[in-house]
Protein backbone atom coordinates (compact mmCIF):
# COMPACT_ATOMS: atom_id res chain seq x y z
CA ASN A 1 15.07 -10.49 23.59
CA ARG A 2 18.49 -8.87 23.11
CA HIS A 3 18.65 -10.25 19.57
CA ILE A 4 15.18 -8.90 18.76
CA ARG A 5 16.07 -5.45 20.13
CA ALA A 6 19.07 -5.31 17.79
CA TYR A 7 16.78 -5.05 14.75
CA THR A 8 15.43 -1.70 13.59
CA SER A 9 12.05 -2.95 12.43
CA PHE A 10 10.01 -6.03 11.62
CA THR A 11 7.02 -6.68 9.45
CA LYS A 12 4.03 -8.45 10.96
CA TYR A 13 5.00 -11.58 9.03
CA GLU A 14 8.57 -11.49 10.32
CA CYS A 15 7.18 -11.24 13.87
CA LEU A 16 4.97 -14.26 13.23
CA GLU A 17 7.90 -16.21 11.78
CA LEU A 18 9.94 -15.40 14.85
CA LEU A 19 7.13 -16.43 17.20
CA ASN A 20 6.67 -19.66 15.25
CA PHE A 21 10.42 -20.31 15.49
CA LEU A 22 10.29 -19.79 19.25
CA GLN A 23 7.29 -22.13 19.54
CA GLU A 24 8.97 -24.83 17.45
CA ASN A 25 11.99 -24.63 19.74
CA GLN A 26 9.79 -24.73 22.86
CA ILE A 27 10.75 -21.21 23.89
CA VAL A 28 7.88 -19.33 25.51
CA PRO A 29 7.98 -15.60 24.67
CA ASP A 30 7.53 -13.28 27.62
CA VAL A 31 5.92 -9.85 27.93
CA ILE A 32 9.21 -8.22 26.95
CA THR A 33 9.30 -10.23 23.73
CA PHE A 34 5.80 -9.12 22.76
CA THR A 35 6.41 -5.49 23.79
CA THR A 36 9.62 -5.39 21.76
CA LEU A 37 7.89 -6.87 18.70
CA ILE A 38 5.10 -4.31 19.01
CA SER A 39 7.71 -1.55 19.09
CA LYS A 40 9.41 -2.86 15.94
CA VAL A 41 6.43 -2.97 13.56
CA ASN A 42 5.63 0.12 11.52
CA ASN A 43 1.89 0.57 11.91
CA TYR A 44 -0.90 0.30 14.43
CA ALA A 45 -2.80 -2.51 12.68
CA ASP A 46 0.24 -4.79 12.79
CA ALA A 47 1.12 -3.76 16.35
CA LYS A 48 -2.46 -4.46 17.49
CA TYR A 49 -2.36 -7.84 15.75
CA ILE A 50 0.78 -8.79 17.73
CA PHE A 51 -0.79 -7.43 20.94
CA ASP A 52 -3.92 -9.53 20.35
CA LEU A 53 -1.79 -12.69 20.11
CA ILE A 54 -1.13 -12.34 23.84
CA GLU A 55 -4.84 -12.45 24.69
CA LYS A 56 -5.51 -15.22 22.16
CA GLN A 57 -2.78 -17.22 23.88
CA THR A 58 -1.47 -18.35 20.50
CA TYR A 59 2.11 -18.61 21.69
CA THR A 60 1.72 -18.70 25.44
CA ARG A 61 -0.78 -18.84 28.31
CA LEU A 62 -2.18 -15.53 29.54
CA SER A 63 -1.40 -16.51 33.12
CA HIS A 64 2.21 -16.81 32.01
CA VAL A 65 2.39 -13.66 29.87
CA LYS A 66 0.11 -10.76 30.59
CA PRO A 67 0.60 -7.37 28.93
CA ASN A 68 1.60 -4.54 31.25
CA GLU A 69 1.54 -0.73 31.15
CA ILE A 70 4.74 -0.66 29.12
CA THR A 71 3.13 -2.93 26.53
CA LEU A 72 0.07 -0.67 26.42
CA ASN A 73 2.15 2.51 26.10
CA THR A 74 4.24 0.94 23.35
CA LEU A 75 1.05 0.10 21.47
CA ILE A 76 -0.43 3.58 22.12
CA LYS A 77 2.57 5.10 20.33
CA LYS A 78 1.43 3.29 17.18
CA VAL A 79 -2.16 4.61 17.06
CA ASN A 80 -2.98 7.09 14.31
CA THR A 81 -5.64 9.12 16.09
CA VAL A 82 -6.73 10.08 19.58
CA GLY A 83 -10.02 8.25 18.98
CA GLU A 84 -8.20 5.05 18.11
CA GLY A 85 -6.16 5.37 21.31
CA LEU A 86 -9.20 6.04 23.51
CA GLU A 87 -10.98 3.04 21.99
CA LEU A 88 -7.94 0.87 22.72
CA ILE A 89 -7.85 2.07 26.34
CA GLN A 90 -11.53 1.23 26.80
CA ASN A 91 -11.11 -2.20 25.24
CA VAL A 92 -8.11 -3.27 27.31
CA SER A 93 -9.41 -1.85 30.58
CA ASN A 94 -12.80 -3.54 30.14
CA HIS A 95 -11.34 -6.83 28.92
CA GLU A 96 -12.01 -9.48 31.57
CA LYS A 97 -8.65 -11.24 31.14
CA ILE A 98 -6.31 -8.32 30.47
CA GLN A 99 -7.68 -5.50 32.67
CA LEU A 100 -4.92 -3.13 31.68
CA TYR A 101 -5.27 0.50 32.74
CA PRO A 102 -3.69 3.67 31.34
CA ASP A 103 -1.23 5.86 33.19
CA ILE A 104 -0.06 9.44 32.67
CA ILE A 105 2.40 8.29 29.98
CA THR A 106 -0.54 6.84 28.02
CA PHE A 107 -2.38 10.15 28.11
CA SER A 108 0.74 12.20 27.44
CA THR A 109 1.41 10.15 24.30
CA LEU A 110 -2.16 10.62 23.11
CA LEU A 111 -2.03 14.34 23.91
CA GLY A 112 0.87 14.58 21.48
CA LYS A 113 -1.43 13.15 18.78
CA ALA A 114 -4.33 15.54 19.52
CA LYS A 115 -5.14 17.77 16.56
CA ASN A 116 -7.89 19.98 17.99
CA THR A 117 -9.65 21.16 21.13
CA ASP A 118 -12.34 18.45 20.91
CA GLU A 119 -9.70 15.72 21.03
CA ILE A 120 -7.95 17.42 23.95
CA ASN A 121 -11.28 17.65 25.82
CA LEU A 122 -11.99 13.96 25.15
CA LEU A 123 -8.56 13.07 26.49
CA GLU A 124 -9.09 15.17 29.59
CA GLU A 125 -12.49 13.55 30.23
CA MET A 126 -10.98 10.08 29.90
CA ARG A 127 -7.98 10.99 32.09
CA GLU A 128 -10.33 12.23 34.81
CA TYR A 129 -12.53 9.13 34.42
CA TYR A 130 -9.50 6.92 35.17
CA LYS A 131 -8.43 9.30 37.97
CA ILE A 132 -4.98 9.80 36.46
CA LYS A 133 -3.22 12.78 38.04
CA PRO A 134 -1.35 15.00 35.57
CA ASN A 135 2.37 15.51 36.06
CA TYR A 136 4.50 18.53 35.23
CA ARG A 137 5.40 17.24 31.76
CA TYR A 138 1.77 16.51 30.89
CA LEU A 139 0.59 19.92 32.10
CA ASN A 140 3.25 21.68 30.00
CA LYS A 141 2.23 19.70 26.93
CA LEU A 142 -1.45 20.48 27.62
CA LYS A 143 -0.68 24.20 27.97
CA PHE A 144 1.22 24.16 24.67
CA LYS A 145 -1.61 22.31 22.87
CA ARG A 146 -4.31 24.72 24.03
């Protein structure tokens, strides 16, 4: 994981090569490995592809490696739109194996991507649905956006 963190970025194919190398050498990647790889790719589609490898259990067993809130928040940083982020949240929270739920960092990241009042209102509805309490930083960002 330290070696992976040393790199600035990876392409999806470089990530797959690395995961294949680990598999060939009987090294099971952990959640930190996947989270780091997600952080190193340059776009959401590639990041989501790497994230989906966890659920598909291509390189590990889900019982061994399950994504956590840090993994979700790393992936949320890669989304292009608020809608894409909200769809991701719904998919991972409703997924029977993953059951990963957002936190205030998730919503704060998406708030930074909001481009209009409708998107802010959608975010606020979803935040209230998940019963996520706003913190000082989130409230300041919300005030600035409105």
